[in-house]
C-alpha atoms as a PDB file:
ATOM      1  CA  UNK A   1       0.000   0.000   0.000  1.00  0.00           C
ATOM      2  CA  UNK A   2       2.794   2.415   0.890  1.00  0.00           C
ATOM      3  CA  UNK A   3       4.586   1.676  -2.370  1.00  0.00           C
ATOM      4  CA  UNK A   4       1.417   2.329  -4.340  1.00  0.00           C
ATOM      5  CA  UNK A   5       0.934   5.672  -2.562  1.00  0.00           C
ATOM      6  CA  UNK A   6       4.541   6.616  -3.302  1.00  0.00           C
ATOM      7  CA  UNK A   7       4.145   5.808  -6.987  1.00  0.00           C
ATOM      8  CA  UNK A   8       0.914   7.790  -7.228  1.00  0.00           C
ATOM      9  CA  UNK A   9       2.443  10.694  -5.288  1.00  0.00           C
ATOM     10  CA  UNK A  10       5.573  10.804  -7.433  1.00  0.00           C
ATOM     11  CA  UNK A  11       3.644  10.688 -10.702  1.00  0.00           C
ATOM     12  CA  UNK A  12       1.298  13.402  -9.417  1.00  0.00           C
ATOM     13  CA  UNK A  13       4.227  15.603  -8.429  1.00  0.00           C
ATOM     14  CA  UNK A  14       5.912  15.345 -11.804  1.00  0.00           C
ATOM     15  CA  UNK A  15       2.688  15.883 -13.723  1.00  0.00           C
ATOM     16  CA  UNK A  16       1.697  18.865 -11.567  1.00  0.00           C
ATOM     17  CA  UNK A  17       5.046  20.551 -12.172  1.00  0.00           C
ATOM     18  CA  UNK A  18       4.617  20.065 -15.924  1.00  0.00           C
ATOM     19  CA  UNK A  19       1.028  21.357 -15.620  1.00  0.00           C
ATOM     20  CA  UNK A  20       2.187  24.462 -13.729  1.00  0.00           C
ATOM     21  CA  UNK A  21       4.915  25.217 -16.284  1.00  0.00           C
ATOM     22  CA  UNK A  22       2.452  24.800 -19.149  1.00  0.00           C
ATOM     23  CA  UNK A  23      -0.078  27.060 -17.423  1.00  0.00           C
ATOM     24  CA  UNK A  24       2.557  29.735 -16.838  1.00  0.00           C
ATOM     25  CA  UNK A  25       3.599  29.621 -20.487  1.00  0.00           C
ATOM     26  CA  UNK A  26      -0.023  29.873 -21.642  1.00  0.00           C
ATOM     27  CA  UNK A  27      -0.674  32.589 -19.011  1.00  0.00           C
ATOM     28  CA  UNK A  28      -3.651  30.883 -17.346  1.00  0.00           C
ATOM     29  CA  UNK A  29      -3.706  31.876 -13.673  1.00  0.00           C
ATOM     30  CA  UNK A  30      -6.526  29.530 -12.682  1.00  0.00           C
ATOM     31  CA  UNK A  31      -4.653  26.549 -14.041  1.00  0.00           C
ATOM     32  CA  UNK A  32      -1.543  27.511 -12.054  1.00  0.00           C
ATOM     33  CA  UNK A  33      -3.620  27.321  -8.869  1.00  0.00           C
ATOM     34  CA  UNK A  34      -4.931  23.898  -9.855  1.00  0.00           C
ATOM     35  CA  UNK A  35      -1.353  22.762 -10.456  1.00  0.00           C
ATOM     36  CA  UNK A  36      -0.279  23.930  -7.005  1.00  0.00           C
ATOM     37  CA  UNK A  37      -3.241  22.141  -5.409  1.00  0.00           C
ATOM     38  CA  UNK A  38      -2.267  18.917  -7.185  1.00  0.00           C
ATOM     39  CA  UNK A  39       1.332  19.414  -6.026  1.00  0.00           C
ATOM     40  CA  UNK A  40       0.252  19.817  -2.394  1.00  0.00           C
ATOM     41  CA  UNK A  41      -1.930  16.697  -2.576  1.00  0.00           C
ATOM     42  CA  UNK A  42       0.991  14.753  -4.062  1.00  0.00           C
ATOM     43  CA  UNK A  43       3.281  15.885  -1.238  1.00  0.00           C
ATOM     44  CA  UNK A  44       0.701  14.817   1.335  1.00  0.00           C
ATOM     45  CA  UNK A  45       0.449  11.385  -0.316  1.00  0.00           C
ATOM     46  CA  UNK A  46       4.221  10.983  -0.167  1.00  0.00           C
ATOM     47  CA  UNK A  47       4.303  11.983   3.506  1.00  0.00           C
ATOM     48  CA  UNK A  48       1.560   9.481   4.336  1.00  0.00           C
ATOM     49  CA  UNK A  49       3.380   6.739   2.420  1.00  0.00           C
ATOM     50  CA  UNK A  50       6.650   7.478   4.192  1.00  0.00           C
ATOM     51  CA  UNK A  51       4.975   7.334   7.615  1.00  0.00           C
ATOM     52  CA  UNK A  52       3.328   4.035   6.699  1.00  0.00           C
ATOM     53  CA  UNK A  53       6.686   2.604   5.644  1.00  0.00           C
ATOM     54  CA  UNK A  54       8.357   3.814   8.823  1.00  0.00           C
ATOM     55  CA  UNK A  55       5.728   2.282  11.045  1.00  0.00           C
ATOM     56  CA  UNK A  56       5.871  -1.047   9.164  1.00  0.00           C
ATOM     57  CA  UNK A  57       9.654  -1.351   9.044  1.00  0.00           C
ATOM     58  CA  UNK A  58      10.832   0.160  12.292  1.00  0.00           C
ATOM     59  CA  UNK A  59       7.723  -0.011  14.441  1.00  0.00           C
ATOM     60  CA  UNK A  60       7.625   3.695  15.255  1.00  0.00           C
ATOM     61  CA  UNK A  61       5.856   6.779  13.989  1.00  0.00           C
END
């Protein structure tokens, strides 16, 4: 489960950065905000996955 969350989080991060760059080039402010929201969600997914891995491997949080 943690590995799946990490994969989803990493793909979301990369795609959101590309989305933000494209929105900046096309000068669409609303799309830049959407890109940042996706980036934040991806970071949260990676944090959750890392905590899950830590608790499974080392037994602590």
